[in-house]
């Protein structure tokens, strides 16, 4: 019987290898997705219980160790040659890709005509005279001021935003993006004025959302490893204390994180956490 399917072949292989260490043989069949097949239906309850644990933290060391100990070429999985852009598109839906392209295009424009000029067009509203320029409430998230800045934000956006769009749909990602961009921008403007930018407020919202959604609703397939949310919080602390001399939008980060946590809590308020 088919137990589940994965989009990522490595995740499918890791689960098969781990279950082999538990004495259960699974196979992988490819048909657009990577389907996990169980021949002995008397083991289905155990497999499903282990699957829930795997979905919560597929990068746990026990799964990597299992692949080293029991991995073989007889699982039914055949890797195909892929390319960089193919791997990017596999995880990223249309909205994820659109925001990435917009950020890159605006960053290039800033290098050509100057960062200040582009900020005059896209920065947070500068007083009541600009309040009706509606794009300004959100376009500040597309501004980036260094190569490291844009690479850091787009990597997280692709990793988390792509997962949300693929699993929950572009509507959910769109709502998270708009609300977090608006509220994180509003809070940052209160602290530092209008001259700021970056997708990090949205990224922190996605971090908070994915982590809490995974904790409360593991069946959603949305998660963020606890070590990574710990890193995100550590980076917040570093930002507040001004370490490394970096100019960090601390208010936007904190607000984004809280927005993401709140939205995940609302979305999972009727879910039963299974341990």
Protein backbone atom coordinates (compact mmCIF):
# COMPACT_ATOMS: atom_id res chain seq x y z
CA UNK A 1 0.00 0.00 0.00
CA UNK A 2 1.06 3.60 -0.58
CA UNK A 3 1.92 5.28 2.71
CA UNK A 4 2.79 8.80 1.56
CA UNK A 5 4.74 10.64 -1.10
CA UNK A 6 7.56 13.17 -1.16
CA UNK A 7 8.64 15.75 -3.69
CA UNK A 8 12.25 15.45 -2.54
CA UNK A 9 13.97 12.14 -3.45
CA UNK A 10 16.52 12.48 -0.65
CA UNK A 11 13.77 12.72 1.96
CA UNK A 12 12.10 9.61 0.54
CA UNK A 13 15.37 7.70 0.64
CA UNK A 14 16.15 8.82 4.18
CA UNK A 15 12.80 7.58 5.47
CA UNK A 16 13.15 4.23 3.69
CA UNK A 17 16.67 3.77 5.09
CA UNK A 18 15.57 4.65 8.62
CA UNK A 19 12.66 2.22 8.57
CA UNK A 20 15.07 -0.48 7.44
CA UNK A 21 16.88 -0.02 10.76
CA UNK A 22 13.53 -0.71 12.45
CA UNK A 23 13.14 -3.97 10.53
CA UNK A 24 10.53 -2.71 8.06
CA UNK A 25 11.12 -2.85 4.34
CA UNK A 26 9.73 -0.01 2.24
CA UNK A 27 10.05 0.67 -1.46
CA UNK A 28 10.01 3.85 -3.53
CA UNK A 29 8.03 4.20 -6.75
CA UNK A 30 8.43 7.23 -8.99
CA UNK A 31 5.37 8.65 -10.74
CA UNK A 32 5.74 12.40 -10.73
CA UNK A 33 6.34 12.13 -6.96
CA UNK A 34 8.30 9.65 -4.87
CA UNK A 35 5.74 7.25 -3.36
CA UNK A 36 6.56 5.18 -0.28
CA UNK A 37 5.24 1.63 -0.66
CA UNK A 38 4.69 -0.82 2.21
CA UNK A 39 4.23 -4.51 1.33
CA UNK A 40 3.40 -5.77 4.83
CA UNK A 41 0.15 -4.01 5.79
CA UNK A 42 0.35 -5.32 9.37
CA UNK A 43 3.12 -2.76 9.92
CA UNK A 44 1.12 0.25 8.73
CA UNK A 45 0.44 1.73 12.19
CA UNK A 46 4.11 1.68 13.15
CA UNK A 47 5.15 3.17 9.81
CA UNK A 48 2.62 6.00 10.09
CA UNK A 49 3.76 6.81 13.64
CA UNK A 50 7.38 6.95 12.51
CA UNK A 51 6.36 9.06 9.51
CA UNK A 52 4.89 11.75 11.77
CA UNK A 53 8.17 11.95 13.66
CA UNK A 54 10.11 12.09 10.41
CA UNK A 55 8.00 14.94 9.00
CA UNK A 56 8.61 16.99 12.15
CA UNK A 57 12.39 16.85 11.76
CA UNK A 58 13.58 15.11 8.57
CA UNK A 59 17.12 16.44 9.01
CA UNK A 60 17.63 14.75 12.38
CA UNK A 61 20.93 12.96 12.67
CA UNK A 62 19.23 9.56 13.15
CA UNK A 63 17.96 9.64 9.57
CA UNK A 64 21.34 10.58 8.14
CA UNK A 65 22.99 7.84 10.20
CA UNK A 66 20.43 5.33 8.96
CA UNK A 67 21.32 6.10 5.36
CA UNK A 68 24.99 5.50 6.07
CA UNK A 69 24.28 2.19 7.83
CA UNK A 70 21.59 0.65 5.64
CA UNK A 71 21.47 2.67 2.41
CA UNK A 72 21.48 0.64 -0.81
CA UNK A 73 20.52 0.99 -4.44
CA UNK A 74 17.54 -1.41 -4.34
CA UNK A 75 14.92 0.97 -2.95
CA UNK A 76 13.47 1.79 -6.37
CA UNK A 77 14.81 5.34 -6.39
CA UNK A 78 16.67 6.55 -9.45
CA UNK A 79 18.26 10.00 -9.33
CA UNK A 80 18.08 12.11 -12.43
CA UNK A 81 20.61 14.71 -13.44
CA UNK A 82 19.36 18.13 -12.42
CA UNK A 83 20.55 21.68 -12.75
CA UNK A 84 20.75 24.66 -10.47
CA UNK A 85 17.72 26.51 -11.81
CA UNK A 86 15.69 23.32 -11.90
CA UNK A 87 16.37 22.78 -8.21
CA UNK A 88 15.37 26.38 -7.46
CA UNK A 89 12.08 26.05 -9.34
CA UNK A 90 11.28 22.67 -7.80
CA UNK A 91 10.83 24.23 -4.37
CA UNK A 92 9.65 27.71 -5.35
CA UNK A 93 6.14 28.41 -6.61
CA UNK A 94 5.14 31.38 -8.83
CA UNK A 95 4.79 33.87 -5.96
CA UNK A 96 8.10 32.85 -4.41
CA UNK A 97 9.86 33.26 -7.76
CA UNK A 98 8.13 36.58 -8.50
CA UNK A 99 9.33 38.15 -5.24
CA UNK A 100 12.86 36.82 -5.81
CA UNK A 101 12.98 38.27 -9.32
CA UNK A 102 11.57 41.60 -8.10
CA UNK A 103 14.18 41.86 -5.34
CA UNK A 104 17.03 41.10 -7.75
CA UNK A 105 15.72 43.55 -10.37
CA UNK A 106 15.38 46.35 -7.80
CA UNK A 107 18.84 45.61 -6.38
CA UNK A 108 20.35 45.91 -9.87
CA UNK A 109 18.43 49.16 -10.43
CA UNK A 110 19.81 50.52 -7.16
CA UNK A 111 23.34 49.85 -8.41
CA UNK A 112 22.60 51.70 -11.66
CA UNK A 113 20.70 54.81 -10.55
CA UNK A 114 21.69 54.87 -6.86
CA UNK A 115 20.12 53.46 -3.73
CA UNK A 116 18.81 56.83 -2.56
CA UNK A 117 16.93 57.43 -5.79
CA UNK A 118 15.18 54.06 -5.68
CA UNK A 119 14.33 54.54 -2.02
CA UNK A 120 12.64 57.83 -2.86
CA UNK A 121 10.37 55.80 -5.13
CA UNK A 122 9.77 52.76 -2.90
CA UNK A 123 10.53 53.59 0.75
CA UNK A 124 8.00 53.68 3.58
CA UNK A 125 5.56 56.65 3.31
CA UNK A 126 7.17 59.93 4.36
CA UNK A 127 4.22 61.66 5.99
CA UNK A 128 0.52 62.04 5.09
CA UNK A 129 1.33 63.24 1.59
CA UNK A 130 2.46 59.74 0.66
CA UNK A 131 -0.06 57.67 2.59
CA UNK A 132 -2.17 57.08 -0.53
CA UNK A 133 0.83 55.76 -2.47
CA UNK A 134 -0.27 52.33 -1.36
CA UNK A 135 2.72 50.41 -2.75
CA UNK A 136 5.02 52.12 -0.23
CA UNK A 137 3.47 50.20 2.66
CA UNK A 138 4.93 47.00 1.16
CA UNK A 139 7.63 47.86 -1.40
CA UNK A 140 10.23 48.64 1.28
CA UNK A 141 10.58 44.85 1.67
CA UNK A 142 12.04 44.65 -1.85
CA UNK A 143 14.95 47.03 -1.09
CA UNK A 144 18.37 45.57 -0.29
CA UNK A 145 21.63 47.40 0.29
CA UNK A 146 24.41 44.85 -0.15
CA UNK A 147 25.04 41.55 -1.85
CA UNK A 148 25.17 39.75 1.50
CA UNK A 149 21.90 41.39 2.54
CA UNK A 150 19.96 40.22 -0.51
CA UNK A 151 21.53 36.74 -0.60
CA UNK A 152 20.74 36.11 3.06
CA UNK A 153 17.12 37.22 2.72
CA UNK A 154 16.41 35.48 -0.59
CA UNK A 155 17.90 32.19 0.61
CA UNK A 156 15.54 32.15 3.60
CA UNK A 157 12.63 33.40 1.48
CA UNK A 158 13.17 30.58 -1.02
CA UNK A 159 13.62 27.95 1.69
CA UNK A 160 10.59 28.91 3.82
CA UNK A 161 8.35 30.83 1.44
CA UNK A 162 8.71 28.13 -1.19
CA UNK A 163 7.68 25.44 1.30
CA UNK A 164 4.63 27.42 2.43
CA UNK A 165 3.53 28.08 -1.14
CA UNK A 166 4.00 24.45 -2.20
CA UNK A 167 2.26 22.99 0.86
CA UNK A 168 -0.38 25.58 1.75
CA UNK A 169 -0.81 27.54 -1.48
CA UNK A 170 0.18 30.95 -2.77
CA UNK A 171 -2.79 32.55 -1.01
CA UNK A 172 -1.38 31.71 2.41
CA UNK A 173 2.10 32.93 1.46
CA UNK A 174 0.60 36.12 0.01
CA UNK A 175 -1.30 36.89 3.24
CA UNK A 176 1.74 36.21 5.46
CA UNK A 177 3.90 38.39 3.22
CA UNK A 178 1.52 41.35 3.10
CA UNK A 179 0.68 41.39 6.81
CA UNK A 180 4.27 40.94 7.97
CA UNK A 181 5.64 43.52 5.50
CA UNK A 182 3.04 46.06 6.64
CA UNK A 183 3.40 45.56 10.40
CA UNK A 184 7.18 45.09 10.48
CA UNK A 185 7.61 48.18 8.30
CA UNK A 186 5.30 50.21 10.51
CA UNK A 187 7.22 49.25 13.64
CA UNK A 188 10.63 49.85 12.06
CA UNK A 189 9.52 53.30 10.88
CA UNK A 190 8.58 54.13 14.49
CA UNK A 191 12.08 53.23 15.66
CA UNK A 192 14.36 54.44 12.87
CA UNK A 193 12.43 56.59 10.43
CA UNK A 194 11.56 55.70 6.86
CA UNK A 195 15.02 54.96 5.44
CA UNK A 196 15.14 51.20 5.78
CA UNK A 197 14.45 48.17 3.63
CA UNK A 198 14.77 44.46 3.23
CA UNK A 199 12.76 41.26 3.21
CA UNK A 200 13.94 40.23 6.66
CA UNK A 201 10.73 41.25 8.45
CA UNK A 202 8.84 38.86 6.17
CA UNK A 203 11.55 36.21 6.56
CA UNK A 204 11.26 36.35 10.34
CA UNK A 205 7.50 36.02 10.04
CA UNK A 206 8.00 32.88 7.96
CA UNK A 207 10.47 31.54 10.51
CA UNK A 208 7.98 32.01 13.33
CA UNK A 209 5.11 30.65 11.27
CA UNK A 210 6.91 27.54 10.01
CA UNK A 211 8.35 26.66 13.41
CA UNK A 212 5.08 26.96 15.36
CA UNK A 213 3.02 25.41 12.57
CA UNK A 214 5.35 22.42 12.61
CA UNK A 215 5.15 22.11 16.39
CA UNK A 216 1.35 22.28 16.53
CA UNK A 217 0.40 20.74 13.19
CA UNK A 218 3.14 18.38 11.99
CA UNK A 219 0.81 16.81 9.42
CA UNK A 220 0.89 20.08 7.46
CA UNK A 221 4.42 19.28 6.33
CA UNK A 222 5.48 22.82 7.31
CA UNK A 223 8.28 22.99 9.84
CA UNK A 224 11.49 24.72 10.85
CA UNK A 225 14.10 22.83 12.81
CA UNK A 226 14.44 23.97 16.40
CA UNK A 227 18.13 24.64 15.87
CA UNK A 228 17.31 27.12 13.11
CA UNK A 229 14.68 28.98 15.12
CA UNK A 230 17.28 29.12 17.89
CA UNK A 231 19.70 30.69 15.41
CA UNK A 232 17.06 33.23 14.40
CA UNK A 233 16.51 34.27 18.01
CA UNK A 234 20.27 34.45 18.61
CA UNK A 235 20.58 36.77 15.62
CA UNK A 236 17.86 38.96 17.12
CA UNK A 237 19.87 39.25 20.34
CA UNK A 238 23.03 40.07 18.37
CA UNK A 239 21.12 42.77 16.51
CA UNK A 240 19.77 44.41 19.66
CA UNK A 241 23.25 44.66 21.15
CA UNK A 242 24.73 46.06 17.94
CA UNK A 243 27.40 43.36 17.63
CA UNK A 244 29.68 43.34 14.56
CA UNK A 245 28.79 46.96 13.83
CA UNK A 246 25.95 45.95 11.54
CA UNK A 247 22.93 48.15 10.85
CA UNK A 248 20.09 45.71 11.56
CA UNK A 249 16.35 46.40 11.42
CA UNK A 250 15.72 44.98 14.88
CA UNK A 251 12.16 46.26 15.24
CA UNK A 252 11.17 44.75 11.90
CA UNK A 253 12.70 41.39 12.85
CA UNK A 254 10.95 41.17 16.21
CA UNK A 255 7.63 42.31 14.78
CA UNK A 256 7.87 39.88 11.88
CA UNK A 257 8.63 36.99 14.23
CA UNK A 258 5.66 37.83 16.45
CA UNK A 259 3.36 38.18 13.43
CA UNK A 260 4.41 34.76 12.14
CA UNK A 261 3.89 33.13 15.53
CA UNK A 262 0.47 34.74 15.90
CA UNK A 263 -0.66 33.65 12.43
CA UNK A 264 0.53 30.06 13.03
CA UNK A 265 -1.29 29.98 16.36
CA UNK A 266 -4.53 31.14 14.73
CA UNK A 267 -4.18 28.64 11.89
CA UNK A 268 -3.60 25.73 14.30
CA UNK A 269 -5.95 26.67 17.14
CA UNK A 270 -8.18 23.67 16.39
CA UNK A 271 -5.34 21.23 15.80
CA UNK A 272 -4.40 18.51 18.25
CA UNK A 273 -0.67 18.20 18.78
CA UNK A 274 0.43 14.58 18.47
CA UNK A 275 3.51 13.46 20.34
